Amino acid sequence: MKPRSLPETLSGLLTSAINDARQLDRSRYLPSARQWHVHQENQCQVCLSGAVMAASLEADPLIELVPSDFPHNAMHKLYALNRIRCGNWIDAWVFLHGSPPSLLIRNRLSDLPSPRFSHFQGWDQFDAHLRCLEALVPHLRTIEQLNESC
């Protein structure tokens, strides 16, 4: 199976990451905001980006990986997801698009809240974090549509 390509928008990337995270085998993966994709004690610890490495990018759970282990485009998207996890929306935009957003978009992104449980450890906190992120997807879509109309 060929790894899936990652979406080109923050909202699409976030939606894909949420879906990837929810499909992980809970006996094989352990969410940890401090680990990208690290095998320890019979489980692979993953952050939000690590969930994308595991699912969409089909990484082997026995191999330790960081974003720079992937092609340039995927690497920047994984870094963008890490910024999203912490609510650093403007940096996420820059990683994804390669340039800063316009003042209008910057102001809208600045209005987005930081998601709860961004330093998650374990499935309960990760699930809560994913729900917070999921609630922000429609707001990101609106901002991206605003950007397209400018």
C-alpha atoms as a PDB file:
ATOM      1  CA  MET A   1       0.000   0.000   0.000  1.00  0.00           C
ATOM      2  CA  LYS A   2       1.302   3.452  -0.920  1.00  0.00           C
ATOM      3  CA  PRO A   3       1.316   6.120   1.832  1.00  0.00           C
ATOM      4  CA  ARG A   4      -1.438   8.696   1.374  1.00  0.00           C
ATOM      5  CA  SER A   5      -0.523  12.220   0.439  1.00  0.00           C
ATOM      6  CA  LEU A   6      -1.315  14.801   3.084  1.00  0.00           C
ATOM      7  CA  PRO A   7      -3.871  17.601   2.527  1.00  0.00           C
ATOM      8  CA  GLU A   8      -2.798  21.087   1.450  1.00  0.00           C
ATOM      9  CA  THR A   9      -4.934  23.090   3.924  1.00  0.00           C
ATOM     10  CA  LEU A  10      -4.719  23.403   7.698  1.00  0.00           C
ATOM     11  CA  SER A  11      -8.324  22.272   8.073  1.00  0.00           C
ATOM     12  CA  GLY A  12      -7.770  19.289   5.781  1.00  0.00           C
ATOM     13  CA  LEU A  13      -4.503  18.397   7.459  1.00  0.00           C
ATOM     14  CA  LEU A  14      -6.075  18.618  10.903  1.00  0.00           C
ATOM     15  CA  THR A  15      -9.086  16.541   9.848  1.00  0.00           C
ATOM     16  CA  SER A  16      -6.782  13.902   8.411  1.00  0.00           C
ATOM     17  CA  ALA A  17      -4.671  13.875  11.598  1.00  0.00           C
ATOM     18  CA  ILE A  18      -7.754  13.473  13.799  1.00  0.00           C
ATOM     19  CA  ASN A  19      -8.963  10.577  11.643  1.00  0.00           C
ATOM     20  CA  ASP A  20      -5.515   8.979  11.704  1.00  0.00           C
ATOM     21  CA  ALA A  21      -5.295   9.310  15.488  1.00  0.00           C
ATOM     22  CA  ARG A  22      -8.691   7.720  15.992  1.00  0.00           C
ATOM     23  CA  GLN A  23      -7.867   4.697  13.866  1.00  0.00           C
ATOM     24  CA  LEU A  24      -4.679   3.789  15.763  1.00  0.00           C
ATOM     25  CA  ASP A  25      -4.602   0.433  17.501  1.00  0.00           C
ATOM     26  CA  ARG A  26      -4.806   1.357  21.193  1.00  0.00           C
ATOM     27  CA  SER A  27      -2.900  -1.729  22.235  1.00  0.00           C
ATOM     28  CA  ARG A  28      -0.005  -0.835  19.946  1.00  0.00           C
ATOM     29  CA  TYR A  29       0.160   2.973  20.269  1.00  0.00           C
ATOM     30  CA  LEU A  30       0.317   5.273  23.278  1.00  0.00           C
ATOM     31  CA  PRO A  31      -0.315   9.025  22.855  1.00  0.00           C
ATOM     32  CA  SER A  32       2.396  11.241  24.277  1.00  0.00           C
ATOM     33  CA  ALA A  33       2.719  14.891  23.298  1.00  0.00           C
ATOM     34  CA  ARG A  34       6.462  14.734  23.985  1.00  0.00           C
ATOM     35  CA  GLN A  35       7.273  11.967  21.483  1.00  0.00           C
ATOM     36  CA  TRP A  36       7.087  12.084  17.697  1.00  0.00           C
ATOM     37  CA  HIS A  37       7.071   8.346  16.906  1.00  0.00           C
ATOM     38  CA  VAL A  38       9.101   6.318  19.413  1.00  0.00           C
ATOM     39  CA  HIS A  39       8.933   2.608  20.223  1.00  0.00           C
ATOM     40  CA  GLN A  40       9.200   1.982  23.975  1.00  0.00           C
ATOM     41  CA  GLU A  41       8.119  -0.958  26.083  1.00  0.00           C
ATOM     42  CA  ASN A  42       6.088  -2.803  23.436  1.00  0.00           C
ATOM     43  CA  GLN A  43       4.193   0.321  22.351  1.00  0.00           C
ATOM     44  CA  CYS A  44       4.853   3.139  19.955  1.00  0.00           C
ATOM     45  CA  GLN A  45       4.476   6.518  21.625  1.00  0.00           C
ATOM     46  CA  VAL A  46       3.083   9.137  19.245  1.00  0.00           C
ATOM     47  CA  CYS A  47       2.068  12.770  19.265  1.00  0.00           C
ATOM     48  CA  LEU A  48      -0.510  14.146  16.814  1.00  0.00           C
ATOM     49  CA  SER A  49       2.098  14.230  14.041  1.00  0.00           C
ATOM     50  CA  GLY A  50       3.222  10.754  15.035  1.00  0.00           C
ATOM     51  CA  ALA A  51      -0.324   9.503  14.501  1.00  0.00           C
ATOM     52  CA  VAL A  52      -0.085  10.786  10.929  1.00  0.00           C
ATOM     53  CA  MET A  53       3.301   9.096  10.549  1.00  0.00           C
ATOM     54  CA  ALA A  54       1.737   5.829  11.752  1.00  0.00           C
ATOM     55  CA  ALA A  55      -1.444   5.921   9.678  1.00  0.00           C
ATOM     56  CA  SER A  56      -1.251   8.113   6.568  1.00  0.00           C
ATOM     57  CA  LEU A  57       2.513   7.759   6.106  1.00  0.00           C
ATOM     58  CA  GLU A  58       2.470   4.073   7.114  1.00  0.00           C
ATOM     59  CA  ALA A  59       5.454   4.204   9.462  1.00  0.00           C
ATOM     60  CA  ASP A  60       6.603   1.017  11.123  1.00  0.00           C
ATOM     61  CA  PRO A  61       5.736   1.234  14.857  1.00  0.00           C
ATOM     62  CA  LEU A  62       9.120  -0.287  15.713  1.00  0.00           C
ATOM     63  CA  ILE A  63      11.084   2.569  14.134  1.00  0.00           C
ATOM     64  CA  GLU A  64      11.808   5.904  15.802  1.00  0.00           C
ATOM     65  CA  LEU A  65      10.949   8.780  13.472  1.00  0.00           C
ATOM     66  CA  VAL A  66      10.903  12.573  13.438  1.00  0.00           C
ATOM     67  CA  PRO A  67       9.476  14.896  10.761  1.00  0.00           C
ATOM     68  CA  SER A  68      12.866  15.356   9.075  1.00  0.00           C
ATOM     69  CA  ASP A  69      12.829  11.631   8.231  1.00  0.00           C
ATOM     70  CA  PHE A  70      10.129  12.348   5.638  1.00  0.00           C
ATOM     71  CA  PRO A  71      10.202  14.236   2.326  1.00  0.00           C
ATOM     72  CA  HIS A  72      10.266  18.028   2.538  1.00  0.00           C
ATOM     73  CA  ASN A  73       6.530  18.554   1.895  1.00  0.00           C
ATOM     74  CA  ALA A  74       5.426  15.979   4.469  1.00  0.00           C
ATOM     75  CA  MET A  75       8.014  17.234   6.959  1.00  0.00           C
ATOM     76  CA  HIS A  76       6.573  20.760   6.879  1.00  0.00           C
ATOM     77  CA  LYS A  77       3.046  19.423   7.308  1.00  0.00           C
ATOM     78  CA  LEU A  78       4.104  17.363  10.328  1.00  0.00           C
ATOM     79  CA  TYR A  79       5.714  20.443  11.871  1.00  0.00           C
ATOM     80  CA  ALA A  80       2.532  22.408  11.115  1.00  0.00           C
ATOM     81  CA  LEU A  81       0.501  19.793  12.991  1.00  0.00           C
ATOM     82  CA  ASN A  82       2.787  20.097  15.974  1.00  0.00           C
ATOM     83  CA  ARG A  83       2.164  23.854  16.015  1.00  0.00           C
ATOM     84  CA  ILE A  84      -1.599  23.225  15.728  1.00  0.00           C
ATOM     85  CA  ARG A  85      -1.402  20.898  18.740  1.00  0.00           C
ATOM     86  CA  CYS A  86      -0.164  23.809  20.837  1.00  0.00           C
ATOM     87  CA  GLY A  87      -2.500  26.392  19.301  1.00  0.00           C
ATOM     88  CA  ASN A  88       0.259  28.214  17.469  1.00  0.00           C
ATOM     89  CA  TRP A  89      -1.900  28.781  14.404  1.00  0.00           C
ATOM     90  CA  ILE A  90       0.268  31.394  12.695  1.00  0.00           C
ATOM     91  CA  ASP A  91       3.407  29.233  12.814  1.00  0.00           C
ATOM     92  CA  ALA A  92       1.334  26.305  11.548  1.00  0.00           C
ATOM     93  CA  TRP A  93       0.248  28.485   8.607  1.00  0.00           C
ATOM     94  CA  VAL A  94       3.866  29.422   7.858  1.00  0.00           C
ATOM     95  CA  PHE A  95       5.022  25.785   7.957  1.00  0.00           C
ATOM     96  CA  LEU A  96       2.215  24.725   5.634  1.00  0.00           C
ATOM     97  CA  HIS A  97       2.263  27.619   3.170  1.00  0.00           C
ATOM     98  CA  GLY A  98       5.895  28.689   3.371  1.00  0.00           C
ATOM     99  CA  SER A  99       5.046  32.339   4.053  1.00  0.00           C
ATOM    100  CA  PRO A 100       3.240  34.389   6.696  1.00  0.00           C
ATOM    101  CA  PRO A 101      -0.500  34.952   6.370  1.00  0.00           C
ATOM    102  CA  SER A 102      -1.967  38.319   5.430  1.00  0.00           C
ATOM    103  CA  LEU A 103      -2.832  40.668   8.285  1.00  0.00           C
ATOM    104  CA  LEU A 104      -6.522  39.731   8.014  1.00  0.00           C
ATOM    105  CA  ILE A 105      -5.783  36.001   8.172  1.00  0.00           C
ATOM    106  CA  ARG A 106      -3.210  36.528  10.934  1.00  0.00           C
ATOM    107  CA  ASN A 107      -5.837  38.322  13.032  1.00  0.00           C
ATOM    108  CA  ARG A 108      -8.391  35.556  12.462  1.00  0.00           C
ATOM    109  CA  LEU A 109      -5.868  32.857  13.312  1.00  0.00           C
ATOM    110  CA  SER A 110      -4.899  34.774  16.452  1.00  0.00           C
ATOM    111  CA  ASP A 111      -8.536  34.656  17.556  1.00  0.00           C
ATOM    112  CA  LEU A 112      -8.536  30.838  17.570  1.00  0.00           C
ATOM    113  CA  PRO A 113      -8.129  29.370  21.049  1.00  0.00           C
ATOM    114  CA  SER A 114      -5.397  26.977  22.073  1.00  0.00           C
ATOM    115  CA  PRO A 115      -6.770  23.442  22.253  1.00  0.00           C
ATOM    116  CA  ARG A 116      -7.099  21.859  25.673  1.00  0.00           C
ATOM    117  CA  PHE A 117      -4.813  19.008  26.724  1.00  0.00           C
ATOM    118  CA  SER A 118      -2.086  20.011  24.253  1.00  0.00           C
ATOM    119  CA  HIS A 119       0.451  18.260  26.491  1.00  0.00           C
ATOM    120  CA  PHE A 120      -1.578  15.041  26.537  1.00  0.00           C
ATOM    121  CA  GLN A 121      -0.348  11.807  28.009  1.00  0.00           C
ATOM    122  CA  GLY A 122      -2.448   8.704  27.388  1.00  0.00           C
ATOM    123  CA  TRP A 123      -5.642   8.008  25.545  1.00  0.00           C
ATOM    124  CA  ASP A 124      -8.102   9.890  27.766  1.00  0.00           C
ATOM    125  CA  GLN A 125      -6.280  13.202  27.425  1.00  0.00           C
ATOM    126  CA  PHE A 126      -5.554  12.574  23.740  1.00  0.00           C
ATOM    127  CA  ASP A 127      -9.230  11.873  23.023  1.00  0.00           C
ATOM    128  CA  ALA A 128     -10.169  15.114  24.796  1.00  0.00           C
ATOM    129  CA  HIS A 129      -7.519  16.973  22.803  1.00  0.00           C
ATOM    130  CA  LEU A 130      -8.851  15.534  19.538  1.00  0.00           C
ATOM    131  CA  ARG A 131     -12.391  16.684  20.403  1.00  0.00           C
ATOM    132  CA  CYS A 132     -11.096  20.216  21.038  1.00  0.00           C
ATOM    133  CA  LEU A 133      -9.239  20.212  17.730  1.00  0.00           C
ATOM    134  CA  GLU A 134     -12.233  18.820  15.889  1.00  0.00           C
ATOM    135  CA  ALA A 135     -14.388  21.706  17.120  1.00  0.00           C
ATOM    136  CA  LEU A 136     -11.902  24.149  15.575  1.00  0.00           C
ATOM    137  CA  VAL A 137     -11.914  22.639  12.067  1.00  0.00           C
ATOM    138  CA  PRO A 138     -14.968  24.620  10.846  1.00  0.00           C
ATOM    139  CA  HIS A 139     -13.340  27.863  12.042  1.00  0.00           C
ATOM    140  CA  LEU A 140     -10.163  27.008  10.144  1.00  0.00           C
ATOM    141  CA  ARG A 141     -12.186  26.273   7.002  1.00  0.00           C
ATOM    142  CA  THR A 142     -13.865  29.673   7.263  1.00  0.00           C
ATOM    143  CA  ILE A 143     -10.489  31.391   7.617  1.00  0.00           C
ATOM    144  CA  GLU A 144      -9.098  29.483   4.649  1.00  0.00           C
ATOM    145  CA  GLN A 145     -12.109  30.403   2.533  1.00  0.00           C
ATOM    146  CA  LEU A 146     -11.604  34.025   3.505  1.00  0.00           C
ATOM    147  CA  ASN A 147      -7.993  33.743   2.388  1.00  0.00           C
ATOM    148  CA  GLU A 148      -9.072  32.303  -0.985  1.00  0.00           C
ATOM    149  CA  SER A 149     -11.463  35.187  -1.608  1.00  0.00           C
ATOM    150  CA  CYS A 150      -8.753  37.839  -1.037  1.00  0.00           C
END
